[in-house]
């Protein structure tokens, strides 16, 4: 089983939205980076662990644990001209962008970005590297266990 950190802006999809979603599952839409898309397409599998990370907010950090639930499919937002994720070059016959379903494991206390930066055992996490802008990054087994320890699990 692999592990992932998936960033979401809370005003778009928060951990509370995931808690309130039908079957506590949301489609992860709006990914517009080829490397992040390729992680979804080529590497993510149902059952993989997810660190649900709130980004671009007053206090960024890990807000919960989730898992990949499957459901890899074309992202419908790429076809919607009213969506900020519309891609006029993408077609239904040859979609560029994908979505994958993410299911809640549990909401946690917020493990803040500052707290993560202060943890030597998390120093290798891609989310903490300078210039990292990817919304989906792999998490090593050691990093996963360190985050769980910090969350008291």
C-alpha atoms as a PDB file:
ATOM      1  CA  UNK A   1       0.000   0.000   0.000  1.00  0.00           C
ATOM      2  CA  UNK A   2       1.259   3.456  -0.923  1.00  0.00           C
ATOM      3  CA  UNK A   3       0.656   6.722   0.912  1.00  0.00           C
ATOM      4  CA  UNK A   4      -0.104  10.176  -0.457  1.00  0.00           C
ATOM      5  CA  UNK A   5      -0.462  13.756   0.687  1.00  0.00           C
ATOM      6  CA  UNK A   6      -3.313  15.473  -1.139  1.00  0.00           C
ATOM      7  CA  UNK A   7      -3.716  19.243  -0.847  1.00  0.00           C
ATOM      8  CA  UNK A   8      -7.045  20.982  -0.996  1.00  0.00           C
ATOM      9  CA  UNK A   9      -8.040  24.536  -0.331  1.00  0.00           C
ATOM     10  CA  UNK A  10     -10.648  24.307   2.453  1.00  0.00           C
ATOM     11  CA  UNK A  11     -13.008  26.714   0.664  1.00  0.00           C
ATOM     12  CA  UNK A  12     -13.107  24.223  -2.259  1.00  0.00           C
ATOM     13  CA  UNK A  13     -13.066  20.876  -0.410  1.00  0.00           C
ATOM     14  CA  UNK A  14     -12.318  20.690   3.299  1.00  0.00           C
ATOM     15  CA  UNK A  15     -12.075  17.762   5.663  1.00  0.00           C
ATOM     16  CA  UNK A  16     -15.503  18.855   6.954  1.00  0.00           C
ATOM     17  CA  UNK A  17     -16.875  18.582   3.400  1.00  0.00           C
ATOM     18  CA  UNK A  18     -15.512  15.032   3.270  1.00  0.00           C
ATOM     19  CA  UNK A  19     -17.113  14.236   6.646  1.00  0.00           C
ATOM     20  CA  UNK A  20     -20.473  15.542   5.363  1.00  0.00           C
ATOM     21  CA  UNK A  21     -20.276  13.977   1.877  1.00  0.00           C
ATOM     22  CA  UNK A  22     -22.504  11.032   0.901  1.00  0.00           C
ATOM     23  CA  UNK A  23     -20.723   7.850   2.016  1.00  0.00           C
ATOM     24  CA  UNK A  24     -17.979  10.232   3.272  1.00  0.00           C
ATOM     25  CA  UNK A  25     -16.429  10.075  -0.211  1.00  0.00           C
ATOM     26  CA  UNK A  26     -15.547  12.902  -2.593  1.00  0.00           C
ATOM     27  CA  UNK A  27     -14.247  12.948  -6.142  1.00  0.00           C
ATOM     28  CA  UNK A  28     -10.850  14.663  -6.166  1.00  0.00           C
ATOM     29  CA  UNK A  29     -11.301  17.125  -9.033  1.00  0.00           C
ATOM     30  CA  UNK A  30      -9.430  20.147 -10.324  1.00  0.00           C
ATOM     31  CA  UNK A  31      -5.947  18.611 -10.608  1.00  0.00           C
ATOM     32  CA  UNK A  32      -4.218  20.538 -13.411  1.00  0.00           C
ATOM     33  CA  UNK A  33      -0.637  19.366 -13.124  1.00  0.00           C
ATOM     34  CA  UNK A  34       0.526  16.480 -15.294  1.00  0.00           C
ATOM     35  CA  UNK A  35       2.751  14.918 -12.623  1.00  0.00           C
ATOM     36  CA  UNK A  36      -0.076  14.943 -10.048  1.00  0.00           C
ATOM     37  CA  UNK A  37      -2.472  13.570 -12.685  1.00  0.00           C
ATOM     38  CA  UNK A  38       0.004  10.806 -13.491  1.00  0.00           C
ATOM     39  CA  UNK A  39       0.193   9.844  -9.805  1.00  0.00           C
ATOM     40  CA  UNK A  40      -3.595   9.368  -9.880  1.00  0.00           C
ATOM     41  CA  UNK A  41      -3.504   7.455 -13.158  1.00  0.00           C
ATOM     42  CA  UNK A  42      -0.406   5.316 -12.721  1.00  0.00           C
ATOM     43  CA  UNK A  43       0.310   4.879  -9.023  1.00  0.00           C
ATOM     44  CA  UNK A  44      -2.752   5.389  -6.814  1.00  0.00           C
ATOM     45  CA  UNK A  45      -4.692   2.272  -5.895  1.00  0.00           C
ATOM     46  CA  UNK A  46      -7.833   1.695  -3.831  1.00  0.00           C
ATOM     47  CA  UNK A  47      -6.875   1.401  -0.179  1.00  0.00           C
ATOM     48  CA  UNK A  48      -3.819   3.672  -0.395  1.00  0.00           C
ATOM     49  CA  UNK A  49      -3.547   6.030   2.566  1.00  0.00           C
ATOM     50  CA  UNK A  50      -4.082   9.780   2.205  1.00  0.00           C
ATOM     51  CA  UNK A  51      -3.008  12.687   4.378  1.00  0.00           C
ATOM     52  CA  UNK A  52      -5.752  15.257   3.730  1.00  0.00           C
ATOM     53  CA  UNK A  53      -3.935  18.587   3.729  1.00  0.00           C
ATOM     54  CA  UNK A  54      -5.525  22.040   3.898  1.00  0.00           C
ATOM     55  CA  UNK A  55      -3.550  24.537   1.792  1.00  0.00           C
ATOM     56  CA  UNK A  56      -3.780  28.219   0.904  1.00  0.00           C
ATOM     57  CA  UNK A  57      -5.518  29.058   4.166  1.00  0.00           C
ATOM     58  CA  UNK A  58      -4.748  30.841   7.445  1.00  0.00           C
ATOM     59  CA  UNK A  59      -3.279  27.697   9.025  1.00  0.00           C
ATOM     60  CA  UNK A  60      -2.193  25.051   6.511  1.00  0.00           C
ATOM     61  CA  UNK A  61      -1.642  21.481   7.618  1.00  0.00           C
ATOM     62  CA  UNK A  62      -2.899  17.914   7.750  1.00  0.00           C
ATOM     63  CA  UNK A  63      -6.559  17.948   8.787  1.00  0.00           C
ATOM     64  CA  UNK A  64      -7.454  14.282   8.452  1.00  0.00           C
ATOM     65  CA  UNK A  65      -6.770  10.803   7.181  1.00  0.00           C
ATOM     66  CA  UNK A  66      -8.438   9.310   4.139  1.00  0.00           C
ATOM     67  CA  UNK A  67      -7.933   6.534   1.624  1.00  0.00           C
ATOM     68  CA  UNK A  68      -8.146   6.154  -2.109  1.00  0.00           C
ATOM     69  CA  UNK A  69     -11.536   4.617  -2.853  1.00  0.00           C
ATOM     70  CA  UNK A  70     -11.088   4.148  -6.611  1.00  0.00           C
ATOM     71  CA  UNK A  71     -13.368   5.670  -9.166  1.00  0.00           C
ATOM     72  CA  UNK A  72     -10.643   6.898 -11.534  1.00  0.00           C
ATOM     73  CA  UNK A  73     -12.494   8.762 -14.286  1.00  0.00           C
ATOM     74  CA  UNK A  74     -12.271  11.851 -16.483  1.00  0.00           C
ATOM     75  CA  UNK A  75     -12.642  15.006 -14.384  1.00  0.00           C
ATOM     76  CA  UNK A  76     -15.936  16.592 -15.501  1.00  0.00           C
ATOM     77  CA  UNK A  77     -14.797  20.095 -14.497  1.00  0.00           C
ATOM     78  CA  UNK A  78     -12.485  20.182 -17.547  1.00  0.00           C
ATOM     79  CA  UNK A  79     -15.561  20.216 -19.828  1.00  0.00           C
ATOM     80  CA  UNK A  80     -17.541  22.877 -17.920  1.00  0.00           C
ATOM     81  CA  UNK A  81     -16.963  26.403 -19.297  1.00  0.00           C
ATOM     82  CA  UNK A  82     -18.282  27.835 -16.010  1.00  0.00           C
ATOM     83  CA  UNK A  83     -15.668  25.960 -13.951  1.00  0.00           C
ATOM     84  CA  UNK A  84     -12.338  27.529 -12.991  1.00  0.00           C
ATOM     85  CA  UNK A  85     -10.876  24.152 -14.037  1.00  0.00           C
ATOM     86  CA  UNK A  86     -12.273  24.295 -17.593  1.00  0.00           C
ATOM     87  CA  UNK A  87      -9.755  23.200 -20.229  1.00  0.00           C
ATOM     88  CA  UNK A  88     -10.869  24.177 -23.745  1.00  0.00           C
ATOM     89  CA  UNK A  89      -8.240  21.853 -25.281  1.00  0.00           C
ATOM     90  CA  UNK A  90      -9.584  18.767 -23.514  1.00  0.00           C
ATOM     91  CA  UNK A  91     -12.261  16.708 -25.243  1.00  0.00           C
ATOM     92  CA  UNK A  92     -14.562  13.949 -24.056  1.00  0.00           C
ATOM     93  CA  UNK A  93     -12.919  11.654 -26.612  1.00  0.00           C
ATOM     94  CA  UNK A  94      -9.424  12.482 -25.325  1.00  0.00           C
ATOM     95  CA  UNK A  95      -9.710  13.935 -21.799  1.00  0.00           C
ATOM     96  CA  UNK A  96      -6.536  15.388 -20.297  1.00  0.00           C
ATOM     97  CA  UNK A  97      -7.539  15.430 -16.652  1.00  0.00           C
ATOM     98  CA  UNK A  98      -8.684  12.784 -14.185  1.00  0.00           C
ATOM     99  CA  UNK A  99     -10.414  12.560 -10.840  1.00  0.00           C
ATOM    100  CA  UNK A 100     -10.228   9.842  -8.209  1.00  0.00           C
ATOM    101  CA  UNK A 101     -12.496   9.137  -5.246  1.00  0.00           C
ATOM    102  CA  UNK A 102     -11.192   9.800  -1.730  1.00  0.00           C
ATOM    103  CA  UNK A 103     -12.948   8.336   1.332  1.00  0.00           C
ATOM    104  CA  UNK A 104     -12.697   9.550   4.917  1.00  0.00           C
ATOM    105  CA  UNK A 105     -10.843   7.511   7.510  1.00  0.00           C
ATOM    106  CA  UNK A 106     -11.045  10.154  10.235  1.00  0.00           C
ATOM    107  CA  UNK A 107     -10.818  13.852  10.893  1.00  0.00           C
ATOM    108  CA  UNK A 108      -7.801  14.645  13.081  1.00  0.00           C
ATOM    109  CA  UNK A 109      -6.460  17.588  14.964  1.00  0.00           C
ATOM    110  CA  UNK A 110      -4.685  19.963  12.615  1.00  0.00           C
ATOM    111  CA  UNK A 111      -1.025  18.986  12.264  1.00  0.00           C
ATOM    112  CA  UNK A 112       0.186  22.413  11.207  1.00  0.00           C
ATOM    113  CA  UNK A 113       2.763  23.140   8.559  1.00  0.00           C
ATOM    114  CA  UNK A 114       4.890  24.828  11.247  1.00  0.00           C
ATOM    115  CA  UNK A 115       4.727  21.698  13.416  1.00  0.00           C
ATOM    116  CA  UNK A 116       5.655  19.548  10.426  1.00  0.00           C
ATOM    117  CA  UNK A 117       8.649  21.795   9.666  1.00  0.00           C
ATOM    118  CA  UNK A 118       9.840  21.440  13.276  1.00  0.00           C
ATOM    119  CA  UNK A 119       9.787  17.608  13.085  1.00  0.00           C
ATOM    120  CA  UNK A 120      13.180  16.227  11.960  1.00  0.00           C
ATOM    121  CA  UNK A 121      11.559  12.919  10.964  1.00  0.00           C
ATOM    122  CA  UNK A 122       9.399  14.793   8.422  1.00  0.00           C
ATOM    123  CA  UNK A 123      12.225  16.836   6.853  1.00  0.00           C
ATOM    124  CA  UNK A 124      12.140  14.713   3.673  1.00  0.00           C
ATOM    125  CA  UNK A 125       8.446  15.214   2.966  1.00  0.00           C
ATOM    126  CA  UNK A 126       7.956  16.745  -0.472  1.00  0.00           C
ATOM    127  CA  UNK A 127       5.333  19.156   0.825  1.00  0.00           C
ATOM    128  CA  UNK A 128       8.086  20.749   2.942  1.00  0.00           C
ATOM    129  CA  UNK A 129      10.595  21.139   0.109  1.00  0.00           C
ATOM    130  CA  UNK A 130      11.227  24.605  -1.292  1.00  0.00           C
ATOM    131  CA  UNK A 131       9.341  25.244  -4.500  1.00  0.00           C
ATOM    132  CA  UNK A 132       7.031  22.238  -4.184  1.00  0.00           C
ATOM    133  CA  UNK A 133       3.647  23.199  -5.625  1.00  0.00           C
ATOM    134  CA  UNK A 134       2.239  19.759  -6.388  1.00  0.00           C
ATOM    135  CA  UNK A 135      -1.232  19.079  -5.006  1.00  0.00           C
ATOM    136  CA  UNK A 136      -0.499  15.346  -4.767  1.00  0.00           C
ATOM    137  CA  UNK A 137       2.799  13.963  -3.489  1.00  0.00           C
ATOM    138  CA  UNK A 138       3.939  10.516  -2.403  1.00  0.00           C
ATOM    139  CA  UNK A 139       4.613   9.943   1.295  1.00  0.00           C
ATOM    140  CA  UNK A 140       7.156   7.346   2.439  1.00  0.00           C
ATOM    141  CA  UNK A 141       6.268   4.645   4.954  1.00  0.00           C
ATOM    142  CA  UNK A 142       8.539   6.333   7.530  1.00  0.00           C
ATOM    143  CA  UNK A 143       6.907   9.729   6.946  1.00  0.00           C
ATOM    144  CA  UNK A 144       3.436   8.145   7.189  1.00  0.00           C
ATOM    145  CA  UNK A 145       4.278   6.492  10.524  1.00  0.00           C
ATOM    146  CA  UNK A 146       5.825   9.730  11.846  1.00  0.00           C
ATOM    147  CA  UNK A 147       2.687  11.712  10.973  1.00  0.00           C
ATOM    148  CA  UNK A 148       0.471   9.097  12.624  1.00  0.00           C
ATOM    149  CA  UNK A 149       2.637   9.215  15.780  1.00  0.00           C
ATOM    150  CA  UNK A 150       2.333  13.004  15.860  1.00  0.00           C
ATOM    151  CA  UNK A 151      -1.444  12.667  15.497  1.00  0.00           C
ATOM    152  CA  UNK A 152      -1.515  10.229  18.416  1.00  0.00           C
ATOM    153  CA  UNK A 153      -2.473   7.155  16.477  1.00  0.00           C
END
